[in-house]
Amino acid sequence: QDDVDLQKKNIPYIGEVLLGHVRYGTFGKNSV
């Protein structure tokens, strides 16, 4: 809970570099 080192080591998605994307399926294909 209050240990950032343990959070970073053990919890996914927490990081220093993050990339997000929102998309329209231009070609009509929309599988994941």
Full PDB file with SEQRES, HELIX, SHEET, SSBOND, CRYST1, ORIGX, SCALE, CONECT and MASTER records, all heavy atoms in Angstrom:
SEQRES   1 A   32  GLN ASP ASP VAL ASP LEU GLN LYS LYS ASN ILE PRO TYR          
SEQRES   2 A   32  ILE GLY GLU VAL LEU LEU GLY HIS VAL ARG TYR GLY THR          
SEQRES   3 A   32  PHE GLY LYS ASN SER VAL                                      
HELIX    1 AA1 VAL A    4  ASN A   10  1                                   7    
CRYST1    1.000    1.000    1.000  90.00  90.00  90.00 P 1           1          
ORIGX1      1.000000  0.000000  0.000000        0.00000                         
ORIGX2      0.000000  1.000000  0.000000        0.00000                         
ORIGX3      0.000000  0.000000  1.000000        0.00000                         
SCALE1      1.000000  0.000000  0.000000        0.00000                         
SCALE2      0.000000  1.000000  0.000000        0.00000                         
SCALE3      0.000000  0.000000  1.000000        0.00000                         
ATOM      1  N   GLN A   1       0.804  -1.223   0.000  1.00  0.00           N  
ATOM      2  CA  GLN A   1       0.000   0.000   0.000  1.00  0.00           C  
ATOM      3  C   GLN A   1       0.840   1.277   0.000  1.00  0.00           C  
ATOM      4  O   GLN A   1       0.582   2.203  -0.765  1.00  0.00           O  
ATOM      5  CB  GLN A   1      -0.930  -0.001   1.218  1.00  0.00           C  
ATOM      6  CG  GLN A   1      -2.056   1.022   1.141  1.00  0.00           C  
ATOM      7  CD  GLN A   1      -3.100   0.685   0.079  1.00  0.00           C  
ATOM      8  OE1 GLN A   1      -3.578  -0.429   0.018  1.00  0.00           O  
ATOM      9  NE2 GLN A   1      -3.414   1.664  -0.770  1.00  0.00           N  
ATOM     10  N   ASP A   2       1.842   1.338   0.843  1.00  0.00           N  
ATOM     11  CA  ASP A   2       2.641   2.570   0.958  1.00  0.00           C  
ATOM     12  C   ASP A   2       4.088   2.363   0.537  1.00  0.00           C  
ATOM     13  O   ASP A   2       4.940   3.213   0.824  1.00  0.00           O  
ATOM     14  CB  ASP A   2       2.585   3.088   2.400  1.00  0.00           C  
ATOM     15  CG  ASP A   2       1.179   3.541   2.779  1.00  0.00           C  
ATOM     16  OD1 ASP A   2       0.602   4.347   2.012  1.00  0.00           O  
ATOM     17  OD2 ASP A   2       0.667   3.082   3.816  1.00  0.00           O  
ATOM     18  N   ASP A   3       4.352   1.266  -0.129  1.00  0.00           N  
ATOM     19  CA  ASP A   3       5.723   0.972  -0.561  1.00  0.00           C  
ATOM     20  C   ASP A   3       5.796   1.022  -2.092  1.00  0.00           C  
ATOM     21  O   ASP A   3       5.388   0.084  -2.783  1.00  0.00           O  
ATOM     22  CB  ASP A   3       6.144  -0.417  -0.049  1.00  0.00           C  
ATOM     23  CG  ASP A   3       7.642  -0.653  -0.208  1.00  0.00           C  
ATOM     24  OD1 ASP A   3       8.199  -0.215  -1.249  1.00  0.00           O  
ATOM     25  OD2 ASP A   3       8.234  -1.279   0.685  1.00  0.00           O  
ATOM     26  N   VAL A   4       6.319   2.118  -2.600  1.00  0.00           N  
ATOM     27  CA  VAL A   4       6.345   2.323  -4.058  1.00  0.00           C  
ATOM     28  C   VAL A   4       7.245   1.300  -4.745  1.00  0.00           C  
ATOM     29  O   VAL A   4       6.929   0.813  -5.844  1.00  0.00           O  
ATOM     30  CB  VAL A   4       6.795   3.774  -4.392  1.00  0.00           C  
ATOM     31  CG1 VAL A   4       6.958   3.962  -5.900  1.00  0.00           C  
ATOM     32  CG2 VAL A   4       5.792   4.786  -3.863  1.00  0.00           C  
ATOM     33  N   ASP A   5       8.350   0.947  -4.110  1.00  0.00           N  
ATOM     34  CA  ASP A   5       9.253  -0.035  -4.718  1.00  0.00           C  
ATOM     35  C   ASP A   5       8.557  -1.382  -4.919  1.00  0.00           C  
ATOM     36  O   ASP A   5       8.698  -2.027  -5.962  1.00  0.00           O  
ATOM     37  CB  ASP A   5      10.509  -0.224  -3.846  1.00  0.00           C  
ATOM     38  CG  ASP A   5      11.435   0.982  -3.915  1.00  0.00           C  
ATOM     39  OD1 ASP A   5      11.330   1.742  -4.919  1.00  0.00           O  
ATOM     40  OD2 ASP A   5      12.225   1.188  -2.982  1.00  0.00           O  
ATOM     41  N   LEU A   6       7.788  -1.814  -3.911  1.00  0.00           N  
ATOM     42  CA  LEU A   6       7.062  -3.083  -4.027  1.00  0.00           C  
ATOM     43  C   LEU A   6       5.949  -2.979  -5.075  1.00  0.00           C  
ATOM     44  O   LEU A   6       5.675  -3.929  -5.811  1.00  0.00           O  
ATOM     45  CB  LEU A   6       6.468  -3.484  -2.663  1.00  0.00           C  
ATOM     46  CG  LEU A   6       7.458  -4.021  -1.620  1.00  0.00           C  
ATOM     47  CD1 LEU A   6       6.742  -4.283  -0.303  1.00  0.00           C  
ATOM     48  CD2 LEU A   6       8.126  -5.308  -2.125  1.00  0.00           C  
ATOM     49  N   GLN A   7       5.294  -1.824  -5.129  1.00  0.00           N  
ATOM     50  CA  GLN A   7       4.251  -1.616  -6.139  1.00  0.00           C  
ATOM     51  C   GLN A   7       4.848  -1.739  -7.544  1.00  0.00           C  
ATOM     52  O   GLN A   7       4.293  -2.432  -8.404  1.00  0.00           O  
ATOM     53  CB  GLN A   7       3.607  -0.231  -5.965  1.00  0.00           C  
ATOM     54  CG  GLN A   7       2.706  -0.118  -4.759  1.00  0.00           C  
ATOM     55  CD  GLN A   7       2.151   1.290  -4.589  1.00  0.00           C  
ATOM     56  OE1 GLN A   7       2.362   2.156  -5.424  1.00  0.00           O  
ATOM     57  NE2 GLN A   7       1.447   1.523  -3.489  1.00  0.00           N  
ATOM     58  N   LYS A   8       5.961  -1.059  -7.756  1.00  0.00           N  
ATOM     59  CA  LYS A   8       6.585  -1.090  -9.090  1.00  0.00           C  
ATOM     60  C   LYS A   8       7.047  -2.498  -9.450  1.00  0.00           C  
ATOM     61  O   LYS A   8       6.874  -2.960 -10.584  1.00  0.00           O  
ATOM     62  CB  LYS A   8       7.767  -0.121  -9.138  1.00  0.00           C  
ATOM     63  CG  LYS A   8       8.469  -0.097 -10.484  1.00  0.00           C  
ATOM     64  CD  LYS A   8       9.553   0.953 -10.539  1.00  0.00           C  
ATOM     65  CE  LYS A   8      10.342   0.827 -11.826  1.00  0.00           C  
ATOM     66  NZ  LYS A   8      11.403   1.849 -11.948  1.00  0.00           N  
ATOM     67  N   LYS A   9       7.582  -3.197  -8.481  1.00  0.00           N  
ATOM     68  CA  LYS A   9       8.109  -4.538  -8.735  1.00  0.00           C  
ATOM     69  C   LYS A   9       7.003  -5.553  -9.010  1.00  0.00           C  
ATOM     70  O   LYS A   9       7.135  -6.414  -9.881  1.00  0.00           O  
ATOM     71  CB  LYS A   9       8.934  -4.999  -7.522  1.00  0.00           C  
ATOM     72  CG  LYS A   9       9.538  -6.379  -7.684  1.00  0.00           C  
ATOM     73  CD  LYS A   9      10.362  -6.761  -6.461  1.00  0.00           C  
ATOM     74  CE  LYS A   9      10.926  -8.175  -6.606  1.00  0.00           C  
ATOM     75  NZ  LYS A   9      11.711  -8.570  -5.421  1.00  0.00           N  
ATOM     76  N   ASN A  10       5.868  -5.421  -8.334  1.00  0.00           N  
ATOM     77  CA  ASN A  10       4.878  -6.498  -8.351  1.00  0.00           C  
ATOM     78  C   ASN A  10       3.553  -6.187  -9.047  1.00  0.00           C  
ATOM     79  O   ASN A  10       2.787  -7.101  -9.364  1.00  0.00           O  
ATOM     80  CB  ASN A  10       4.565  -6.922  -6.901  1.00  0.00           C  
ATOM     81  CG  ASN A  10       5.779  -7.511  -6.211  1.00  0.00           C  
ATOM     82  OD1 ASN A  10       6.248  -8.589  -6.586  1.00  0.00           O  
ATOM     83  ND2 ASN A  10       6.306  -6.799  -5.227  1.00  0.00           N  
ATOM     84  N   ILE A  11       3.273  -4.909  -9.277  1.00  0.00           N  
ATOM     85  CA  ILE A  11       1.969  -4.555  -9.859  1.00  0.00           C  
ATOM     86  C   ILE A  11       2.157  -4.129 -11.313  1.00  0.00           C  
ATOM     87  O   ILE A  11       2.957  -3.234 -11.596  1.00  0.00           O  
ATOM     88  CB  ILE A  11       1.285  -3.417  -9.058  1.00  0.00           C  
ATOM     89  CG1 ILE A  11       1.072  -3.863  -7.603  1.00  0.00           C  
ATOM     90  CG2 ILE A  11      -0.051  -3.046  -9.695  1.00  0.00           C  
ATOM     91  CD1 ILE A  11       0.451  -2.794  -6.714  1.00  0.00           C  
ATOM     92  N   PRO A  12       1.454  -4.771 -12.234  1.00  0.00           N  
ATOM     93  CA  PRO A  12       1.598  -4.391 -13.642  1.00  0.00           C  
ATOM     94  C   PRO A  12       1.006  -2.999 -13.920  1.00  0.00           C  
ATOM     95  O   PRO A  12       0.254  -2.468 -13.094  1.00  0.00           O  
ATOM     96  CB  PRO A  12       0.818  -5.474 -14.391  1.00  0.00           C  
ATOM     97  CG  PRO A  12      -0.161  -5.990 -13.398  1.00  0.00           C  
ATOM     98  CD  PRO A  12       0.490  -5.858 -12.059  1.00  0.00           C  
ATOM     99  N   TYR A  13       1.346  -2.457 -15.067  1.00  0.00           N  
ATOM    100  CA  TYR A  13       0.829  -1.175 -15.601  1.00  0.00           C  
ATOM    101  C   TYR A  13       1.448   0.054 -14.959  1.00  0.00           C  
ATOM    102  O   TYR A  13       1.387   1.137 -15.516  1.00  0.00           O  
ATOM    103  CB  TYR A  13      -0.705  -1.085 -15.495  1.00  0.00           C  
ATOM    104  CG  TYR A  13      -1.411  -2.272 -16.088  1.00  0.00           C  
ATOM    105  CD1 TYR A  13      -2.166  -3.138 -15.288  1.00  0.00           C  
ATOM    106  CD2 TYR A  13      -1.303  -2.567 -17.451  1.00  0.00           C  
ATOM    107  CE1 TYR A  13      -2.808  -4.238 -15.834  1.00  0.00           C  
ATOM    108  CE2 TYR A  13      -1.942  -3.666 -18.006  1.00  0.00           C  
ATOM    109  CZ  TYR A  13      -2.685  -4.505 -17.187  1.00  0.00           C  
ATOM    110  OH  TYR A  13      -3.316  -5.597 -17.721  1.00  0.00           O  
ATOM    111  N   ILE A  14       2.030  -0.083 -13.755  1.00  0.00           N  
ATOM    112  CA  ILE A  14       2.695   1.072 -13.153  1.00  0.00           C  
ATOM    113  C   ILE A  14       4.081   1.172 -13.796  1.00  0.00           C  
ATOM    114  O   ILE A  14       4.850   0.221 -13.768  1.00  0.00           O  
ATOM    115  CB  ILE A  14       2.861   0.895 -11.628  1.00  0.00           C  
ATOM    116  CG1 ILE A  14       1.505   0.690 -10.971  1.00  0.00           C  
ATOM    117  CG2 ILE A  14       3.565   2.097 -11.032  1.00  0.00           C  
ATOM    118  CD1 ILE A  14       1.601   0.290  -9.527  1.00  0.00           C  
ATOM    119  N   GLY A  15       4.372   2.324 -14.383  1.00  0.00           N  
ATOM    120  CA  GLY A  15       5.677   2.492 -15.017  1.00  0.00           C  
ATOM    121  C   GLY A  15       5.959   3.952 -15.262  1.00  0.00           C  
ATOM    122  O   GLY A  15       5.120   4.819 -15.007  1.00  0.00           O  
ATOM    123  N   GLU A  16       7.149   4.215 -15.783  1.00  0.00           N  
ATOM    124  CA  GLU A  16       7.545   5.602 -16.056  1.00  0.00           C  
ATOM    125  C   GLU A  16       7.253   6.027 -17.492  1.00  0.00           C  
ATOM    126  O   GLU A  16       7.249   7.212 -17.807  1.00  0.00           O  
ATOM    127  CB  GLU A  16       9.040   5.786 -15.769  1.00  0.00           C  
ATOM    128  CG  GLU A  16       9.427   5.674 -14.314  1.00  0.00           C  
ATOM    129  CD  GLU A  16       9.732   4.255 -13.855  1.00  0.00           C  
ATOM    130  OE1 GLU A  16       9.441   3.293 -14.610  1.00  0.00           O  
ATOM    131  OE2 GLU A  16      10.269   4.092 -12.753  1.00  0.00           O  
ATOM    132  N   VAL A  17       7.044   5.050 -18.386  1.00  0.00           N  
ATOM    133  CA  VAL A  17       6.790   5.364 -19.797  1.00  0.00           C  
ATOM    134  C   VAL A  17       5.451   4.735 -20.185  1.00  0.00           C  
ATOM    135  O   VAL A  17       5.274   3.519 -20.059  1.00  0.00           O  
ATOM    136  CB  VAL A  17       7.913   4.822 -20.719  1.00  0.00           C  
ATOM    137  CG1 VAL A  17       7.871   5.520 -22.072  1.00  0.00           C  
ATOM    138  CG2 VAL A  17       9.289   4.985 -20.086  1.00  0.00           C  
ATOM    139  N   LEU A  18       4.512   5.560 -20.640  1.00  0.00           N  
ATOM    140  CA  LEU A  18       3.165   5.063 -20.919  1.00  0.00           C  
ATOM    141  C   LEU A  18       2.699   5.523 -22.297  1.00  0.00           C  
ATOM    142  O   LEU A  18       2.967   6.659 -22.706  1.00  0.00           O  
ATOM    143  CB  LEU A  18       2.185   5.564 -19.855  1.00  0.00           C  
ATOM    144  CG  LEU A  18       2.563   5.292 -18.390  1.00  0.00           C  
ATOM    145  CD1 LEU A  18       3.176   6.545 -17.772  1.00  0.00           C  
ATOM    146  CD2 LEU A  18       1.362   4.883 -17.567  1.00  0.00           C  
ATOM    147  N   LEU A  19       1.994   4.632 -22.983  1.00  0.00           N  
ATOM    148  CA  LEU A  19       1.499   4.934 -24.330  1.00  0.00           C  
ATOM    149  C   LEU A  19       0.037   4.517 -24.424  1.00  0.00           C  
ATOM    150  O   LEU A  19      -0.329   3.389 -24.080  1.00  0.00           O  
ATOM    151  CB  LEU A  19       2.326   4.171 -25.373  1.00  0.00           C  
ATOM    152  CG  LEU A  19       1.966   4.347 -26.852  1.00  0.00           C  
ATOM    153  CD1 LEU A  19       2.057   5.806 -27.274  1.00  0.00           C  
ATOM    154  CD2 LEU A  19       2.877   3.489 -27.723  1.00  0.00           C  
ATOM    155  N   GLY A  20      -0.815   5.439 -24.878  1.00  0.00           N  
ATOM    156  CA  GLY A  20      -2.237   5.151 -25.046  1.00  0.00           C  
ATOM    157  C   GLY A  20      -2.678   5.404 -26.470  1.00  0.00           C  
ATOM    158  O   GLY A  20      -2.077   6.209 -27.191  1.00  0.00           O  
ATOM    159  N   HIS A  21      -3.753   4.739 -26.876  1.00  0.00           N  
ATOM    160  CA  HIS A  21      -4.238   4.870 -28.256  1.00  0.00           C  
ATOM    161  C   HIS A  21      -5.742   4.646 -28.296  1.00  0.00           C  
ATOM    162  O   HIS A  21      -6.266   3.747 -27.637  1.00  0.00           O  
ATOM    163  CB  HIS A  21      -3.553   3.832 -29.151  1.00  0.00           C  
ATOM    164  CG  HIS A  21      -3.823   4.013 -30.610  1.00  0.00           C  
ATOM    165  ND1 HIS A  21      -4.853   3.370 -31.267  1.00  0.00           N  
ATOM    166  CD2 HIS A  21      -3.203   4.761 -31.547  1.00  0.00           C  
ATOM    167  CE1 HIS A  21      -4.839   3.725 -32.545  1.00  0.00           C  
ATOM    168  NE2 HIS A  21      -3.855   4.569 -32.737  1.00  0.00           N  
ATOM    169  N   VAL A  22      -6.443   5.499 -29.044  1.00  0.00           N  
ATOM    170  CA  VAL A  22      -7.855   5.267 -29.342  1.00  0.00           C  
ATOM    171  C   VAL A  22      -7.994   5.150 -30.851  1.00  0.00           C  
ATOM    172  O   VAL A  22      -7.314   5.838 -31.604  1.00  0.00           O  
ATOM    173  CB  VAL A  22      -8.760   6.385 -28.786  1.00  0.00           C  
ATOM    174  CG1 VAL A  22      -8.814   6.314 -27.276  1.00  0.00           C  
ATOM    175  CG2 VAL A  22      -8.311   7.767 -29.239  1.00  0.00           C  
ATOM    176  N   ARG A  23      -8.908   4.277 -31.303  1.00  0.00           N  
ATOM    177  CA  ARG A  23      -8.892   3.869 -32.705  1.00  0.00           C  
ATOM    178  C   ARG A  23     -10.287   3.793 -33.308  1.00  0.00           C  
ATOM    179  O   ARG A  23     -11.236   3.394 -32.653  1.00  0.00           O  
ATOM    180  CB  ARG A  23      -8.245   2.483 -32.801  1.00  0.00           C  
ATOM    181  CG  ARG A  23      -8.312   1.836 -34.166  1.00  0.00           C  
ATOM    182  CD  ARG A  23      -7.744   0.426 -34.102  1.00  0.00           C  
ATOM    183  NE  ARG A  23      -7.659  -0.175 -35.423  1.00  0.00           N  
ATOM    184  CZ  ARG A  23      -8.612  -0.896 -35.991  1.00  0.00           C  
ATOM    185  NH1 ARG A  23      -9.739  -1.123 -35.343  1.00  0.00           N  
ATOM    186  NH2 ARG A  23      -8.449  -1.410 -37.194  1.00  0.00           N  
ATOM    187  N   TYR A  24     -10.343   4.186 -34.574  1.00  0.00           N  
ATOM    188  CA  TYR A  24     -11.486   3.848 -35.418  1.00  0.00           C  
ATOM    189  C   TYR A  24     -11.045   2.738 -36.368  1.00  0.00           C  
ATOM    190  O   TYR A  24      -9.937   2.782 -36.898  1.00  0.00           O  
ATOM    191  CB  TYR A  24     -11.940   5.050 -36.246  1.00  0.00           C  
ATOM    192  CG  TYR A  24     -13.050   5.844 -35.618  1.00  0.00           C  
ATOM    193  CD1 TYR A  24     -12.859   7.151 -35.213  1.00  0.00           C  
ATOM    194  CD2 TYR A  24     -14.312   5.286 -35.438  1.00  0.00           C  
ATOM    195  CE1 TYR A  24     -13.887   7.888 -34.632  1.00  0.00           C  
ATOM    196  CE2 TYR A  24     -15.345   6.019 -34.857  1.00  0.00           C  
ATOM    197  CZ  TYR A  24     -15.119   7.310 -34.468  1.00  0.00           C  
ATOM    198  OH  TYR A  24     -16.139   8.032 -33.897  1.00  0.00           O  
ATOM    199  N   GLY A  25     -11.924   1.765 -36.597  1.00  0.00           N  
ATOM    200  CA  GLY A  25     -11.595   0.657 -37.497  1.00  0.00           C  
ATOM    201  C   GLY A  25     -11.782   1.076 -38.944  1.00  0.00           C  
ATOM    202  O   GLY A  25     -12.786   0.747 -39.565  1.00  0.00           O  
ATOM    203  N   THR A  26     -10.810   1.821 -39.493  1.00  0.00           N  
ATOM    204  CA  THR A  26     -10.929   2.417 -40.830  1.00  0.00           C  
ATOM    205  C   THR A  26     -11.214   1.381 -41.902  1.00  0.00           C  
ATOM    206  O   THR A  26     -11.955   1.623 -42.838  1.00  0.00           O  
ATOM    207  CB  THR A  26      -9.628   3.173 -41.177  1.00  0.00           C  
ATOM    208  OG1 THR A  26      -9.324   4.044 -40.098  1.00  0.00           O  
ATOM    209  CG2 THR A  26      -9.787   3.991 -42.430  1.00  0.00           C  
ATOM    210  N   PHE A  27     -10.607   0.226 -41.789  1.00  0.00           N  
ATOM    211  CA  PHE A  27     -10.749  -0.784 -42.833  1.00  0.00           C  
ATOM    212  C   PHE A  27     -11.895  -1.744 -42.565  1.00  0.00           C  
ATOM    213  O   PHE A  27     -12.025  -2.761 -43.213  1.00  0.00           O  
ATOM    214  CB  PHE A  27      -9.442  -1.570 -43.006  1.00  0.00           C  
ATOM    215  CG  PHE A  27      -8.385  -0.799 -43.699  1.00  0.00           C  
ATOM    216  CD1 PHE A  27      -7.485  -0.036 -42.983  1.00  0.00           C  
ATOM    217  CD2 PHE A  27      -8.291  -0.799 -45.083  1.00  0.00           C  
ATOM    218  CE1 PHE A  27      -6.499   0.691 -43.619  1.00  0.00           C  
ATOM    219  CE2 PHE A  27      -7.309  -0.067 -45.730  1.00  0.00           C  
ATOM    220  CZ  PHE A  27      -6.422   0.678 -44.997  1.00  0.00           C  
ATOM    221  N   GLY A  28     -12.716  -1.425 -41.589  1.00  0.00           N  
ATOM    222  CA  GLY A  28     -13.854  -2.299 -41.310  1.00  0.00           C  
ATOM    223  C   GLY A  28     -13.476  -3.489 -40.442  1.00  0.00           C  
ATOM    224  O   GLY A  28     -14.318  -4.218 -39.974  1.00  0.00           O  
ATOM    225  N   LYS A  29     -12.147  -3.696 -40.223  1.00  0.00           N  
ATOM    226  CA  LYS A  29     -11.704  -4.793 -39.359  1.00  0.00           C  
ATOM    227  C   LYS A  29     -11.622  -4.255 -37.943  1.00  0.00           C  
ATOM    228  O   LYS A  29     -11.011  -3.218 -37.715  1.00  0.00           O  
ATOM    229  CB  LYS A  29     -10.313  -5.293 -39.777  1.00  0.00           C  
ATOM    230  CG  LYS A  29     -10.271  -5.935 -41.142  1.00  0.00           C  
ATOM    231  CD  LYS A  29      -8.900  -6.528 -41.436  1.00  0.00           C  
ATOM    232  CE  LYS A  29      -7.810  -5.508 -41.478  1.00  0.00           C  
ATOM    233  NZ  LYS A  29      -6.503  -6.030 -41.861  1.00  0.00           N  
ATOM    234  N   ASN A  30     -12.192  -4.964 -37.013  1.00  0.00           N  
ATOM    235  CA  ASN A  30     -12.111  -4.453 -35.655  1.00  0.00           C  
ATOM    236  C   ASN A  30     -11.946  -5.580 -34.647  1.00  0.00           C  
ATOM    237  O   ASN A  30     -12.606  -5.621 -33.632  1.00  0.00           O  
ATOM    238  CB  ASN A  30     -13.333  -3.598 -35.315  1.00  0.00           C  
ATOM    239  CG  ASN A  30     -13.024  -2.659 -34.167  1.00  0.00           C  
ATOM    240  OD1 ASN A  30     -11.904  -2.181 -34.062  1.00  0.00           O  
ATOM    241  ND2 ASN A  30     -13.981  -2.423 -33.301  1.00  0.00           N  
ATOM    242  N   SER A  31     -11.030  -6.490 -34.936  1.00  0.00           N  
ATOM    243  CA  SER A  31     -10.674  -7.498 -33.950  1.00  0.00           C  
ATOM    244  C   SER A  31      -9.671  -6.862 -32.997  1.00  0.00           C  
ATOM    245  O   SER A  31      -9.048  -5.849 -33.309  1.00  0.00           O  
ATOM    246  CB  SER A  31     -10.033  -8.711 -34.635  1.00  0.00           C  
ATOM    247  OG  SER A  31      -8.800  -8.338 -35.211  1.00  0.00           O  
ATOM    248  N   VAL A  32      -9.500  -7.461 -31.824  1.00  0.00           N  
ATOM    249  CA  VAL A  32      -8.579  -6.883 -30.844  1.00  0.00           C  
ATOM    250  C   VAL A  32      -7.140  -6.903 -31.376  1.00  0.00           C  
ATOM    251  O   VAL A  32      -6.313  -6.076 -30.992  1.00  0.00           O  
ATOM    252  CB  VAL A  32      -8.713  -7.612 -29.485  1.00  0.00           C  
ATOM    253  CG1 VAL A  32      -8.020  -8.978 -29.518  1.00  0.00           C  
ATOM    254  CG2 VAL A  32      -8.181  -6.739 -28.345  1.00  0.00           C  
TER     255      VAL A  32                                                      
MASTER        0    0    0    1    0    0    0    6  254    1    0    3          
END                                                                             
